[in-house]
Structure formats: structure tokens, C-alpha cells
């Protein structure tokens, strides 16, 4: 959040994503009350955000006027919107939340491993994935296509790393041979 109280970009993206999912569910703005009722079912009265949730709050979120969005309400919106796992990941990404950790959960070793691997893959194979994706949108891919594109980019990144290791191994072997030749 900015010092002047302006909304975080992640909160604005989250609001836009919630509005899009609500629209995909054919819930009109007038039906926001139904979504708010489902949110109340997903968030207990002991949650600090429970009292703030209202139709007006949801409208402010969708219009990018909420300053910060906490993880539990984002997860609750996913459940209230009955998001698929892919939609949940998309919404969490737009809310700048990690899809591999729950609101109250400590990250697991597996979550850490996958987060690191995805970070590496994104940095090393972003262009490859963009080329494989072409003009298609990721949301238009089937689950199988999504996994196949990711696997292809991962295989290319691994091959690149193995090539670097082979080259380092060759250089190291050459250095050892040169050093032993000097000692003779």
C-alpha cells in the first residue's frame, strides 16, 4: 500500500479477477448479494474481515478501490465463486498470493521446491513458453496442453543446464590435463 492509502496493484488485479469470475458465473452486479452470502458461509464470524464484507465492499473490490486484500478472504472468494483449481491459481496470482500455501499453513518442503522450480522455469524459459503459446491465451489451453507446454519448456531448460554442466566438466578436465602436463 502506498503511503497515501492508494490501493496496491495486487488488490486492483484481484478485484478485476473477481469481477471477471463473477461475470463468467453469470452473476450480475445486482446478484452480488448472493456472492456476499456465500462469502459469509466461507468466512467465520471470528475472522477479522467478516464485519467488513458487504455488497458495497465487494463493489469497491471489483472497482479497484480496496487498499489491501488479505489471503483468507481471497481463498473464501475462491470457494464462494466455486473456482476450479485453475481459476483459484489464477485469482491467487492476480492477488499476489502464492497458490502453493494456505492462509494459515506453513509452506511445505514440496511447496518450496515447486515454488523454486517454477521461479527458475519462469526466468529461464519465459521466452520459450511465450513462443510455444503463440497467440493463444493460457486460459484457452486444455489441462493436457498446459502441462505439455510446461513440460517442453522444462525439458529445454534442463537440457540447457546439462549442456552447461557438460561444458564446465570439459573445461575442468582440460584444466586438470594442463596442470598435470606442467608437472611433468
Protein backbone atom coordinates (compact mmCIF):
# COMPACT_ATOMS: atom_id res chain seq x y z
CA UNK A 1 0.00 0.00 0.00
CA UNK A 2 1.24 3.45 -0.81
CA UNK A 3 1.71 5.95 2.00
CA UNK A 4 -1.21 7.95 0.63
CA UNK A 5 -3.62 4.99 1.03
CA UNK A 6 -3.93 4.17 -2.66
CA UNK A 7 -4.73 0.53 -3.45
CA UNK A 8 -1.95 -1.97 -4.07
CA UNK A 9 -1.72 -3.09 -7.71
CA UNK A 10 -2.32 -6.67 -6.50
CA UNK A 11 -5.58 -5.60 -4.82
CA UNK A 12 -6.69 -3.93 -8.04
CA UNK A 13 -5.81 -7.03 -10.11
CA UNK A 14 -7.63 -9.21 -7.59
CA UNK A 15 -10.75 -7.06 -7.86
CA UNK A 16 -10.65 -7.22 -11.64
CA UNK A 17 -10.22 -11.01 -11.48
CA UNK A 18 -13.15 -11.39 -9.05
CA UNK A 19 -15.34 -9.26 -11.33
CA UNK A 20 -14.35 -11.41 -14.31
CA UNK A 21 -15.11 -14.66 -12.48
CA UNK A 22 -18.43 -13.26 -11.23
CA UNK A 23 -19.31 -12.34 -14.81
CA UNK A 24 -18.28 -15.80 -16.06
CA UNK A 25 -20.67 -17.25 -13.46
CA UNK A 26 -23.44 -15.07 -14.92
CA UNK A 27 -23.86 -13.22 -11.64
CA UNK A 28 -24.95 -9.68 -12.38
CA UNK A 29 -23.95 -6.75 -10.24
CA UNK A 30 -27.37 -6.96 -8.68
CA UNK A 31 -26.60 -10.53 -7.64
CA UNK A 32 -23.52 -9.52 -5.66
CA UNK A 33 -25.63 -10.10 -2.55
CA UNK A 34 -25.70 -13.83 -3.37
CA UNK A 35 -21.92 -13.86 -3.59
CA UNK A 36 -21.63 -11.95 -0.31
CA UNK A 37 -23.94 -14.51 1.34
CA UNK A 38 -21.66 -17.30 0.08
CA UNK A 39 -18.65 -15.38 1.39
CA UNK A 40 -20.26 -15.25 4.84
CA UNK A 41 -20.64 -19.04 4.64
CA UNK A 42 -16.93 -19.36 3.85
CA UNK A 43 -15.56 -16.93 6.46
CA UNK A 44 -16.38 -17.42 10.11
CA UNK A 45 -17.53 -14.57 12.35
CA UNK A 46 -14.20 -14.78 14.18
CA UNK A 47 -12.31 -13.71 11.03
CA UNK A 48 -11.30 -10.02 11.24
CA UNK A 49 -12.61 -9.35 7.72
CA UNK A 50 -16.09 -10.76 8.45
CA UNK A 51 -17.60 -7.45 9.58
CA UNK A 52 -16.25 -5.54 6.58
CA UNK A 53 -17.77 -7.80 3.92
CA UNK A 54 -20.83 -6.31 2.26
CA UNK A 55 -22.23 -5.70 -1.22
CA UNK A 56 -20.60 -2.25 -1.14
CA UNK A 57 -17.25 -3.80 -0.09
CA UNK A 58 -17.43 -6.29 -2.98
CA UNK A 59 -18.24 -3.45 -5.40
CA UNK A 60 -15.24 -1.45 -4.09
CA UNK A 61 -13.02 -4.52 -4.52
CA UNK A 62 -14.20 -5.11 -8.10
CA UNK A 63 -13.68 -1.44 -8.93
CA UNK A 64 -10.12 -1.43 -7.54
CA UNK A 65 -10.83 0.72 -4.51
CA UNK A 66 -9.85 -1.76 -1.77
CA UNK A 67 -6.41 -0.90 -0.43
CA UNK A 68 -5.16 -4.36 0.57
CA UNK A 69 -6.54 -7.87 0.22
CA UNK A 70 -5.63 -10.49 2.83
CA UNK A 71 -5.18 -14.16 1.93
CA UNK A 72 -8.18 -15.65 3.85
CA UNK A 73 -10.79 -13.51 2.08
CA UNK A 74 -9.18 -14.31 -1.29
CA UNK A 75 -9.42 -18.03 -0.52
CA UNK A 76 -13.02 -17.53 0.65
CA UNK A 77 -13.88 -15.76 -2.60
CA UNK A 78 -12.43 -18.71 -4.50
CA UNK A 79 -14.73 -21.06 -2.59
CA UNK A 80 -17.73 -18.71 -2.85
CA UNK A 81 -17.22 -18.40 -6.61
CA UNK A 82 -16.77 -22.19 -6.77
CA UNK A 83 -13.48 -21.74 -8.63
CA UNK A 84 -11.82 -24.62 -10.40
CA UNK A 85 -8.23 -25.28 -9.30
CA UNK A 86 -7.03 -23.38 -12.35
CA UNK A 87 -9.28 -20.39 -11.61
CA UNK A 88 -8.11 -20.45 -7.98
CA UNK A 89 -4.47 -20.34 -9.10
CA UNK A 90 -5.29 -17.51 -11.50
CA UNK A 91 -7.11 -15.49 -8.82
CA UNK A 92 -4.33 -16.05 -6.27
CA UNK A 93 -1.75 -14.98 -8.84
CA UNK A 94 -3.65 -11.76 -9.54
CA UNK A 95 -3.99 -11.14 -5.81
CA UNK A 96 -0.21 -11.63 -5.47
CA UNK A 97 -0.67 -14.69 -3.27
CA UNK A 98 1.21 -17.98 -3.57
CA UNK A 99 -1.02 -20.78 -4.81
CA UNK A 100 1.08 -23.41 -3.01
CA UNK A 101 0.42 -22.20 0.53
CA UNK A 102 -2.77 -21.88 2.51
CA UNK A 103 -3.70 -18.89 4.62
CA UNK A 104 -2.69 -20.49 7.92
CA UNK A 105 -0.34 -23.15 6.59
CA UNK A 106 3.41 -23.13 6.86
CA UNK A 107 4.94 -23.76 3.45
CA UNK A 108 5.84 -27.43 2.98
CA UNK A 109 9.12 -28.63 1.56
CA UNK A 110 7.23 -29.66 -1.58
CA UNK A 111 5.73 -26.17 -1.90
CA UNK A 112 9.19 -24.64 -1.52
CA UNK A 113 10.63 -26.99 -4.14
CA UNK A 114 7.85 -26.27 -6.62
CA UNK A 115 7.98 -22.52 -5.98
CA UNK A 116 11.73 -22.52 -6.65
CA UNK A 117 11.34 -24.71 -9.76
CA UNK A 118 8.55 -22.52 -11.16
CA UNK A 119 10.57 -19.40 -10.44
CA UNK A 120 13.57 -20.88 -12.28
CA UNK A 121 11.40 -22.06 -15.16
CA UNK A 122 9.76 -18.65 -15.46
CA UNK A 123 13.10 -16.84 -15.51
CA UNK A 124 14.88 -19.29 -17.81
CA UNK A 125 12.09 -20.38 -20.16
CA UNK A 126 9.70 -17.44 -20.31
CA UNK A 127 10.51 -16.74 -23.96
CA UNK A 128 10.28 -20.43 -24.85
CA UNK A 129 6.86 -20.68 -23.23
CA UNK A 130 5.72 -17.50 -24.97
CA UNK A 131 6.83 -18.91 -28.32
CA UNK A 132 5.11 -22.24 -27.63
CA UNK A 133 1.95 -20.45 -26.54
CA UNK A 134 1.98 -18.19 -29.61
CA UNK A 135 -1.13 -16.05 -29.94
CA UNK A 136 -3.24 -18.36 -27.78
CA UNK A 137 -4.26 -17.36 -24.28
CA UNK A 138 -3.21 -19.65 -21.43
CA UNK A 139 -6.81 -19.84 -20.21
CA UNK A 140 -7.81 -21.29 -23.61
CA UNK A 141 -5.48 -24.29 -23.26
CA UNK A 142 -6.73 -27.65 -22.07
CA UNK A 143 -5.15 -29.07 -18.93
CA UNK A 144 -3.15 -31.51 -21.07
CA UNK A 145 -1.90 -28.75 -23.42
CA UNK A 146 -0.92 -26.63 -20.44
CA UNK A 147 1.10 -29.48 -18.93
CA UNK A 148 2.68 -30.40 -22.27
CA UNK A 149 3.82 -26.83 -22.98
CA UNK A 150 5.23 -26.53 -19.48
CA UNK A 151 6.97 -29.92 -19.76
CA UNK A 152 8.53 -28.93 -23.09
CA UNK A 153 9.87 -25.69 -21.62
CA UNK A 154 11.14 -27.58 -18.57
CA UNK A 155 12.88 -30.17 -20.75
CA UNK A 156 14.59 -27.40 -22.73
CA UNK A 157 15.71 -25.67 -19.51
CA UNK A 158 17.08 -28.97 -18.17
CA UNK A 159 18.91 -29.68 -21.44
CA UNK A 160 20.41 -26.18 -21.32
CA UNK A 161 21.58 -26.75 -17.73
CA UNK A 162 23.01 -30.16 -18.60
CA UNK A 163 24.84 -28.62 -21.54
CA UNK A 164 26.34 -26.01 -19.22
CA UNK A 165 27.42 -28.75 -16.81
CA UNK A 166 28.97 -30.80 -19.61
CA UNK A 167 30.85 -27.73 -20.81
CA UNK A 168 32.05 -27.00 -17.26
CA UNK A 169 33.10 -30.65 -16.91
CA UNK A 170 35.07 -30.46 -20.16
CA UNK A 171 36.75 -27.24 -19.06
CA UNK A 172 37.61 -28.76 -15.68
CA UNK A 173 39.04 -31.90 -17.32
CA UNK A 174 41.10 -29.75 -19.71
CA UNK A 175 42.43 -27.70 -16.78
CA UNK A 176 43.43 -30.90 -14.93
CA UNK A 177 45.22 -32.26 -18.03
CA UNK A 178 47.10 -28.98 -18.49
CA UNK A 179 48.10 -28.90 -14.83
CA UNK A 180 49.34 -32.50 -14.94
CA UNK A 181 51.27 -31.78 -18.18
CA UNK A 182 53.02 -28.86 -16.48
CA UNK A 183 54.07 -31.04 -13.57
CA UNK A 184 55.90 -33.48 -15.88
